Amino acid sequence: MKKSLIVLVSAICFFALTGCGGKTASDVDIDYGESSLYSEEDMNAAIDVIKTEFGTWDGCELHSISYAGDDKCNEENIAWMNELEAANDAQETFTQCIMFVSNFHSPKEGGGAWEADQEYTDYEWWLARQDNGDWKLMTSGY
């Protein structure tokens, strides 16, 4: 009886942790592209910030995240990140920025900013940091 109970509780815990077959954060397709600016470690730190934010979007399922390319990490966009930071009365001055695009599916019932049961593609994520510091999510959307 005890063994059956242990097996049952273990199975319930397993399915609860895996979302009963739903995509987990580790199942997300990541495309690092090619970069002469950022290492995979740098990108993973930024992707972790994105995944953390995305995790607050109830009912959305993240499918993929792709690096948008080194050409997005230019002086003009760094200046834009600093303008966003200044508009929020923050004190950081950024020297680096990075952009990713993601594909995800909205909740079946919709809600918030999302239309019900829709696939969103090329959703932009902009992050910035001081030289080799921690990434900060600055803005996201289309």
N, C-alpha and C. Protein backbone atom coordinates (compact mmCIF):
# COMPACT_ATOMS: atom_id res chain seq x y z
N MET A 1 0.81 -1.18 0.00
CA MET A 1 0.00 0.00 0.00
C MET A 1 0.86 1.26 0.00
N LYS A 2 1.91 1.24 0.86
CA LYS A 2 2.80 2.41 0.93
C LYS A 2 3.48 2.66 -0.41
N LYS A 3 3.93 1.59 -1.06
CA LYS A 3 4.61 1.74 -2.35
C LYS A 3 3.67 2.34 -3.39
N SER A 4 2.43 1.90 -3.41
CA SER A 4 1.44 2.43 -4.36
C SER A 4 1.20 3.91 -4.11
N LEU A 5 1.11 4.27 -2.84
CA LEU A 5 0.90 5.67 -2.47
C LEU A 5 2.09 6.53 -2.89
N ILE A 6 3.29 6.02 -2.68
CA ILE A 6 4.50 6.76 -3.06
C ILE A 6 4.55 6.94 -4.57
N VAL A 7 4.24 5.89 -5.32
CA VAL A 7 4.24 5.98 -6.78
C VAL A 7 3.20 7.00 -7.24
N LEU A 8 2.02 6.98 -6.65
CA LEU A 8 0.96 7.90 -7.02
C LEU A 8 1.35 9.35 -6.72
N VAL A 9 1.87 9.59 -5.54
CA VAL A 9 2.31 10.95 -5.16
C VAL A 9 3.45 11.42 -6.07
N SER A 10 4.39 10.54 -6.38
CA SER A 10 5.49 10.89 -7.28
C SER A 10 4.98 11.26 -8.66
N ALA A 11 4.02 10.50 -9.17
CA ALA A 11 3.46 10.79 -10.50
C ALA A 11 2.74 12.13 -10.50
N ILE A 12 1.99 12.41 -9.46
CA ILE A 12 1.29 13.69 -9.36
C ILE A 12 2.29 14.84 -9.34
N CYS A 13 3.34 14.71 -8.54
CA CYS A 13 4.37 15.75 -8.46
C CYS A 13 5.06 15.94 -9.81
N PHE A 14 5.36 14.83 -10.49
CA PHE A 14 6.01 14.93 -11.79
C PHE A 14 5.15 15.71 -12.77
N PHE A 15 3.87 15.36 -12.87
CA PHE A 15 3.00 16.05 -13.81
C PHE A 15 2.76 17.50 -13.42
N ALA A 16 2.71 17.79 -12.14
CA ALA A 16 2.55 19.17 -11.69
C ALA A 16 3.75 20.00 -12.08
N LEU A 17 4.94 19.44 -11.95
CA LEU A 17 6.16 20.18 -12.28
C LEU A 17 6.38 20.33 -13.78
N THR A 18 5.89 19.39 -14.56
CA THR A 18 6.09 19.47 -16.01
C THR A 18 4.93 20.12 -16.72
N GLY A 19 3.89 20.49 -16.00
CA GLY A 19 2.75 21.16 -16.63
C GLY A 19 1.89 20.21 -17.45
N CYS A 20 1.92 18.95 -17.13
CA CYS A 20 1.09 17.95 -17.82
C CYS A 20 1.30 17.98 -19.32
N GLY A 21 2.52 18.03 -19.74
CA GLY A 21 2.82 17.97 -21.16
C GLY A 21 3.00 19.32 -21.81
N GLY A 22 2.77 20.41 -21.10
CA GLY A 22 2.99 21.75 -21.66
C GLY A 22 4.46 22.02 -21.84
N LYS A 23 4.77 22.99 -22.64
CA LYS A 23 6.15 23.35 -22.90
C LYS A 23 6.76 23.99 -21.66
N THR A 24 7.93 23.55 -21.25
CA THR A 24 8.61 24.14 -20.12
C THR A 24 9.64 25.12 -20.62
N ALA A 25 10.20 25.91 -19.72
CA ALA A 25 11.19 26.91 -20.11
C ALA A 25 12.38 26.27 -20.81
N SER A 26 12.72 25.05 -20.44
CA SER A 26 13.86 24.39 -21.09
C SER A 26 13.50 23.89 -22.49
N ASP A 27 12.20 23.80 -22.81
CA ASP A 27 11.76 23.34 -24.13
C ASP A 27 11.76 24.46 -25.18
N VAL A 28 11.98 25.68 -24.77
CA VAL A 28 11.93 26.81 -25.69
C VAL A 28 13.09 26.72 -26.68
N ASP A 29 12.79 26.88 -27.96
CA ASP A 29 13.84 26.87 -28.98
C ASP A 29 14.61 28.18 -28.91
N ILE A 30 15.93 28.08 -28.78
CA ILE A 30 16.79 29.26 -28.70
C ILE A 30 17.67 29.30 -29.94
N ASP A 31 17.69 30.45 -30.61
CA ASP A 31 18.57 30.68 -31.75
C ASP A 31 19.52 31.81 -31.38
N TYR A 32 20.78 31.45 -31.14
CA TYR A 32 21.78 32.44 -30.76
C TYR A 32 22.33 33.21 -31.95
N GLY A 33 22.08 32.73 -33.15
CA GLY A 33 22.62 33.39 -34.33
C GLY A 33 24.14 33.45 -34.25
N GLU A 34 24.70 34.48 -34.85
CA GLU A 34 26.14 34.70 -34.77
C GLU A 34 26.37 36.09 -34.20
N SER A 35 27.30 36.19 -33.28
CA SER A 35 27.59 37.48 -32.68
C SER A 35 29.08 37.62 -32.42
N SER A 36 29.58 38.78 -32.77
CA SER A 36 30.96 39.11 -32.40
C SER A 36 30.96 39.98 -31.15
N LEU A 37 29.76 40.36 -30.67
CA LEU A 37 29.64 41.21 -29.49
C LEU A 37 29.37 40.43 -28.21
N TYR A 38 28.54 39.39 -28.30
CA TYR A 38 28.07 38.71 -27.11
C TYR A 38 28.31 37.21 -27.18
N SER A 39 28.72 36.68 -26.04
CA SER A 39 28.91 35.23 -25.92
C SER A 39 27.56 34.57 -25.66
N GLU A 40 27.52 33.26 -25.75
CA GLU A 40 26.31 32.52 -25.42
C GLU A 40 25.95 32.77 -23.95
N GLU A 41 26.94 32.90 -23.09
CA GLU A 41 26.69 33.19 -21.67
C GLU A 41 26.01 34.56 -21.51
N ASP A 42 26.50 35.57 -22.26
CA ASP A 42 25.87 36.89 -22.22
C ASP A 42 24.41 36.79 -22.66
N MET A 43 24.19 36.06 -23.76
CA MET A 43 22.84 35.92 -24.29
C MET A 43 21.94 35.16 -23.33
N ASN A 44 22.47 34.10 -22.71
CA ASN A 44 21.67 33.33 -21.76
C ASN A 44 21.24 34.18 -20.58
N ALA A 45 22.10 35.09 -20.13
CA ALA A 45 21.73 35.98 -19.03
C ALA A 45 20.56 36.87 -19.44
N ALA A 46 20.58 37.37 -20.68
CA ALA A 46 19.47 38.19 -21.18
C ALA A 46 18.21 37.34 -21.37
N ILE A 47 18.37 36.15 -21.89
CA ILE A 47 17.23 35.25 -22.11
C ILE A 47 16.57 34.88 -20.78
N ASP A 48 17.36 34.73 -19.74
CA ASP A 48 16.80 34.44 -18.42
C ASP A 48 15.89 35.58 -17.95
N VAL A 49 16.28 36.82 -18.23
CA VAL A 49 15.45 37.98 -17.88
C VAL A 49 14.13 37.92 -18.66
N ILE A 50 14.22 37.60 -19.94
CA ILE A 50 13.03 37.49 -20.78
C ILE A 50 12.11 36.38 -20.25
N LYS A 51 12.67 35.22 -19.97
CA LYS A 51 11.87 34.09 -19.48
C LYS A 51 11.20 34.42 -18.15
N THR A 52 11.90 35.14 -17.30
CA THR A 52 11.32 35.54 -16.02
C THR A 52 10.11 36.43 -16.24
N GLU A 53 10.25 37.43 -17.11
CA GLU A 53 9.11 38.30 -17.41
C GLU A 53 7.99 37.51 -18.07
N PHE A 54 8.34 36.69 -19.04
CA PHE A 54 7.33 35.92 -19.75
C PHE A 54 6.56 35.01 -18.79
N GLY A 55 7.24 34.50 -17.79
CA GLY A 55 6.61 33.63 -16.81
C GLY A 55 5.47 34.28 -16.05
N THR A 56 5.40 35.60 -16.07
CA THR A 56 4.31 36.31 -15.40
C THR A 56 3.08 36.46 -16.29
N TRP A 57 3.19 36.05 -17.55
CA TRP A 57 2.08 36.18 -18.51
C TRP A 57 1.22 34.92 -18.45
N ASP A 58 0.23 34.94 -17.61
CA ASP A 58 -0.62 33.77 -17.38
C ASP A 58 -1.23 33.25 -18.68
N GLY A 59 -1.04 31.94 -18.88
CA GLY A 59 -1.68 31.27 -20.00
C GLY A 59 -0.94 31.34 -21.32
N CYS A 60 0.12 32.16 -21.40
CA CYS A 60 0.90 32.24 -22.64
C CYS A 60 1.94 31.13 -22.67
N GLU A 61 2.21 30.62 -23.87
CA GLU A 61 3.20 29.55 -24.05
C GLU A 61 4.30 30.04 -24.98
N LEU A 62 5.51 30.13 -24.44
CA LEU A 62 6.67 30.60 -25.20
C LEU A 62 7.21 29.47 -26.06
N HIS A 63 7.39 29.75 -27.37
CA HIS A 63 7.89 28.73 -28.29
C HIS A 63 9.36 28.93 -28.64
N SER A 64 9.75 30.18 -28.92
CA SER A 64 11.13 30.40 -29.35
C SER A 64 11.60 31.80 -29.01
N ILE A 65 12.93 31.91 -28.90
CA ILE A 65 13.61 33.19 -28.71
C ILE A 65 14.81 33.19 -29.65
N SER A 66 14.96 34.27 -30.41
CA SER A 66 16.05 34.38 -31.37
C SER A 66 16.78 35.71 -31.22
N TYR A 67 18.11 35.65 -31.27
CA TYR A 67 18.92 36.85 -31.25
C TYR A 67 18.70 37.62 -32.54
N ALA A 68 18.47 38.92 -32.44
CA ALA A 68 18.14 39.74 -33.61
C ALA A 68 19.37 40.18 -34.40
N GLY A 69 20.55 40.04 -33.84
CA GLY A 69 21.76 40.35 -34.58
C GLY A 69 22.53 41.53 -34.02
N ASP A 70 23.82 41.52 -34.29
CA ASP A 70 24.71 42.56 -33.78
C ASP A 70 24.36 43.95 -34.30
N ASP A 71 23.74 44.03 -35.49
CA ASP A 71 23.43 45.34 -36.06
C ASP A 71 22.41 46.11 -35.23
N LYS A 72 21.65 45.43 -34.39
CA LYS A 72 20.68 46.11 -33.51
C LYS A 72 21.37 46.75 -32.30
N CYS A 73 22.58 46.32 -32.03
CA CYS A 73 23.32 46.78 -30.85
C CYS A 73 24.23 47.94 -31.24
N ASN A 74 23.61 49.03 -31.68
CA ASN A 74 24.38 50.18 -32.17
C ASN A 74 24.22 51.38 -31.25
N GLU A 75 24.97 52.41 -31.53
CA GLU A 75 24.96 53.62 -30.69
C GLU A 75 23.57 54.26 -30.61
N GLU A 76 22.86 54.25 -31.72
CA GLU A 76 21.51 54.83 -31.74
C GLU A 76 20.57 54.11 -30.77
N ASN A 77 20.62 52.77 -30.78
CA ASN A 77 19.75 52.01 -29.89
C ASN A 77 20.21 52.07 -28.43
N ILE A 78 21.51 52.18 -28.21
CA ILE A 78 22.00 52.38 -26.84
C ILE A 78 21.50 53.72 -26.32
N ALA A 79 21.53 54.74 -27.16
CA ALA A 79 21.00 56.06 -26.76
C ALA A 79 19.51 55.96 -26.44
N TRP A 80 18.77 55.19 -27.24
CA TRP A 80 17.34 54.99 -26.98
C TRP A 80 17.13 54.31 -25.63
N MET A 81 17.94 53.29 -25.32
CA MET A 81 17.83 52.61 -24.03
C MET A 81 18.07 53.59 -22.88
N ASN A 82 19.05 54.48 -23.07
CA ASN A 82 19.35 55.48 -22.04
C ASN A 82 18.22 56.50 -21.91
N GLU A 83 17.55 56.83 -23.02
CA GLU A 83 16.38 57.71 -22.95
C GLU A 83 15.25 57.05 -22.18
N LEU A 84 15.02 55.76 -22.43
CA LEU A 84 14.00 55.03 -21.69
C LEU A 84 14.33 55.01 -20.20
N GLU A 85 15.59 54.80 -19.88
CA GLU A 85 16.02 54.76 -18.48
C GLU A 85 15.81 56.13 -17.82
N ALA A 86 16.18 57.19 -18.52
CA ALA A 86 16.02 58.54 -17.98
C ALA A 86 14.53 58.87 -17.77
N ALA A 87 13.68 58.42 -18.67
CA ALA A 87 12.24 58.67 -18.56
C ALA A 87 11.63 58.00 -17.33
N ASN A 88 12.29 56.95 -16.86
CA ASN A 88 11.83 56.25 -15.67
C ASN A 88 12.55 56.72 -14.40
N ASP A 89 13.21 57.87 -14.50
CA ASP A 89 13.93 58.46 -13.36
C ASP A 89 14.99 57.55 -12.77
N ALA A 90 15.53 56.66 -13.57
CA ALA A 90 16.57 55.76 -13.09
C ALA A 90 17.94 56.39 -13.32
N GLN A 91 18.93 55.84 -12.68
CA GLN A 91 20.25 56.46 -12.67
C GLN A 91 21.30 55.75 -13.51
N GLU A 92 20.97 54.62 -14.10
CA GLU A 92 21.98 53.88 -14.85
C GLU A 92 22.26 54.53 -16.20
N THR A 93 23.50 54.39 -16.65
CA THR A 93 23.87 54.78 -18.00
C THR A 93 24.35 53.52 -18.70
N PHE A 94 23.63 53.12 -19.73
CA PHE A 94 23.93 51.87 -20.42
C PHE A 94 24.99 52.05 -21.49
N THR A 95 25.78 51.01 -21.68
CA THR A 95 26.81 51.00 -22.71
C THR A 95 26.60 49.88 -23.72
N GLN A 96 25.65 48.97 -23.41
CA GLN A 96 25.37 47.85 -24.29
C GLN A 96 23.87 47.61 -24.35
N CYS A 97 23.41 47.14 -25.51
CA CYS A 97 22.02 46.72 -25.62
C CYS A 97 21.97 45.45 -26.45
N ILE A 98 20.86 44.76 -26.34
CA ILE A 98 20.67 43.52 -27.07
C ILE A 98 19.18 43.38 -27.37
N MET A 99 18.88 42.79 -28.51
CA MET A 99 17.49 42.58 -28.91
C MET A 99 17.27 41.13 -29.29
N PHE A 100 16.14 40.60 -28.83
CA PHE A 100 15.69 39.27 -29.21
C PHE A 100 14.27 39.38 -29.76
N VAL A 101 13.87 38.40 -30.54
CA VAL A 101 12.48 38.27 -30.95
C VAL A 101 11.99 36.91 -30.47
N SER A 102 10.71 36.86 -30.15
CA SER A 102 10.15 35.59 -29.67
C SER A 102 8.85 35.28 -30.40
N ASN A 103 8.51 34.03 -30.35
CA ASN A 103 7.22 33.55 -30.85
C ASN A 103 6.52 32.87 -29.68
N PHE A 104 5.24 33.17 -29.50
CA PHE A 104 4.50 32.58 -28.40
C PHE A 104 3.02 32.50 -28.75
N HIS A 105 2.30 31.73 -27.95
CA HIS A 105 0.86 31.55 -28.14
C HIS A 105 0.13 32.17 -26.95
N SER A 106 -0.93 32.91 -27.25
CA SER A 106 -1.70 33.58 -26.20
C SER A 106 -2.66 32.59 -25.52
N PRO A 107 -3.19 32.98 -24.37
CA PRO A 107 -4.13 32.10 -23.66
C PRO A 107 -5.37 31.79 -24.49
N LYS A 108 -5.91 30.62 -24.31
CA LYS A 108 -7.10 30.19 -25.04
C LYS A 108 -8.27 31.16 -24.87
N GLU A 109 -8.38 31.75 -23.70
CA GLU A 109 -9.47 32.69 -23.41
C GLU A 109 -9.05 34.15 -23.59
N GLY A 110 -7.82 34.37 -23.99
CA GLY A 110 -7.34 35.75 -24.14
C GLY A 110 -7.11 36.37 -22.78
N GLY A 111 -7.19 37.67 -22.76
CA GLY A 111 -7.00 38.38 -21.50
C GLY A 111 -5.83 39.32 -21.57
N GLY A 112 -5.90 40.38 -20.79
CA GLY A 112 -4.84 41.37 -20.83
C GLY A 112 -4.72 41.98 -22.21
N ALA A 113 -3.52 42.05 -22.70
CA ALA A 113 -3.27 42.64 -24.02
C ALA A 113 -3.40 41.63 -25.15
N TRP A 114 -3.70 40.39 -24.83
CA TRP A 114 -3.65 39.32 -25.83
C TRP A 114 -5.02 38.96 -26.39
N GLU A 115 -5.05 38.76 -27.70
CA GLU A 115 -6.24 38.19 -28.33
C GLU A 115 -6.24 36.71 -28.01
N ALA A 116 -7.41 36.16 -27.88
CA ALA A 116 -7.55 34.76 -27.49
C ALA A 116 -6.95 33.81 -28.52
N ASP A 117 -6.19 32.83 -28.03
CA ASP A 117 -5.74 31.69 -28.82
C ASP A 117 -5.05 32.09 -30.12
N GLN A 118 -4.10 33.01 -30.03
CA GLN A 118 -3.39 33.51 -31.21
C GLN A 118 -1.89 33.23 -31.10
N GLU A 119 -1.26 33.06 -32.25
CA GLU A 119 0.20 32.91 -32.31
C GLU A 119 0.79 34.30 -32.56
N TYR A 120 1.67 34.72 -31.68
CA TYR A 120 2.38 35.99 -31.83
C TYR A 120 3.79 35.69 -32.29
N THR A 121 4.21 36.36 -33.35
CA THR A 121 5.55 36.12 -33.91
C THR A 121 6.35 37.42 -33.94
N ASP A 122 7.66 37.25 -33.87
CA ASP A 122 8.60 38.37 -33.94
C ASP A 122 8.33 39.45 -32.89
N TYR A 123 7.93 39.04 -31.71
CA TYR A 123 7.69 39.94 -30.59
C TYR A 123 9.05 40.37 -30.06
N GLU A 124 9.32 41.66 -30.02
CA GLU A 124 10.64 42.18 -29.69
C GLU A 124 10.86 42.33 -28.18
N TRP A 125 12.10 42.07 -27.78
CA TRP A 125 12.56 42.25 -26.40
C TRP A 125 13.85 43.05 -26.45
N TRP A 126 13.88 44.20 -25.81
CA TRP A 126 15.07 45.05 -25.75
C TRP A 126 15.59 45.09 -24.32
N LEU A 127 16.87 44.79 -24.18
CA LEU A 127 17.52 44.83 -22.88
C LEU A 127 18.79 45.67 -22.98
N ALA A 128 19.22 46.20 -21.83
CA ALA A 128 20.43 47.02 -21.80
C ALA A 128 21.19 46.73 -20.52
N ARG A 129 22.47 47.10 -20.55
CA ARG A 129 23.31 46.95 -19.36
C ARG A 129 24.52 47.86 -19.45
N GLN A 130 25.14 48.09 -18.30
CA GLN A 130 26.44 48.73 -18.29
C GLN A 130 27.45 47.65 -18.65
N ASP A 131 28.65 48.03 -19.05
CA ASP A 131 29.66 47.06 -19.50
C ASP A 131 29.64 45.79 -18.67
N ASN A 132 29.21 44.70 -19.30
CA ASN A 132 29.22 43.36 -18.72
C ASN A 132 28.48 43.25 -17.39
N GLY A 133 27.56 44.17 -17.12
CA GLY A 133 26.74 44.11 -15.90
C GLY A 133 25.54 43.21 -16.12
N ASP A 134 24.53 43.38 -15.29
CA ASP A 134 23.30 42.61 -15.41
C ASP A 134 22.38 43.25 -16.44
N TRP A 135 21.74 42.41 -17.24
CA TRP A 135 20.78 42.88 -18.23
C TRP A 135 19.52 43.39 -17.53
N LYS A 136 18.97 44.46 -18.09
CA LYS A 136 17.71 45.03 -17.61
C LYS A 136 16.75 45.08 -18.78
N LEU A 137 15.55 44.53 -18.61
CA LEU A 137 14.54 44.59 -19.66
C LEU A 137 14.03 46.02 -19.74
N MET A 138 14.16 46.62 -20.91
CA MET A 138 13.76 48.01 -21.09
C MET A 138 12.39 48.15 -21.74
N THR A 139 12.12 47.34 -22.73
CA THR A 139 10.83 47.40 -23.41
C THR A 139 10.62 46.11 -24.21
N SER A 140 9.36 45.84 -24.50
CA SER A 140 9.03 44.69 -25.34
C SER A 140 7.76 44.99 -26.10
N GLY A 141 7.57 44.31 -27.19
CA GLY A 141 6.37 44.48 -28.02
C GLY A 141 6.72 44.53 -29.48
N TYR A 142 5.79 45.09 -30.25
CA TYR A 142 6.00 45.19 -31.69
C TYR A 142 6.50 46.56 -32.06
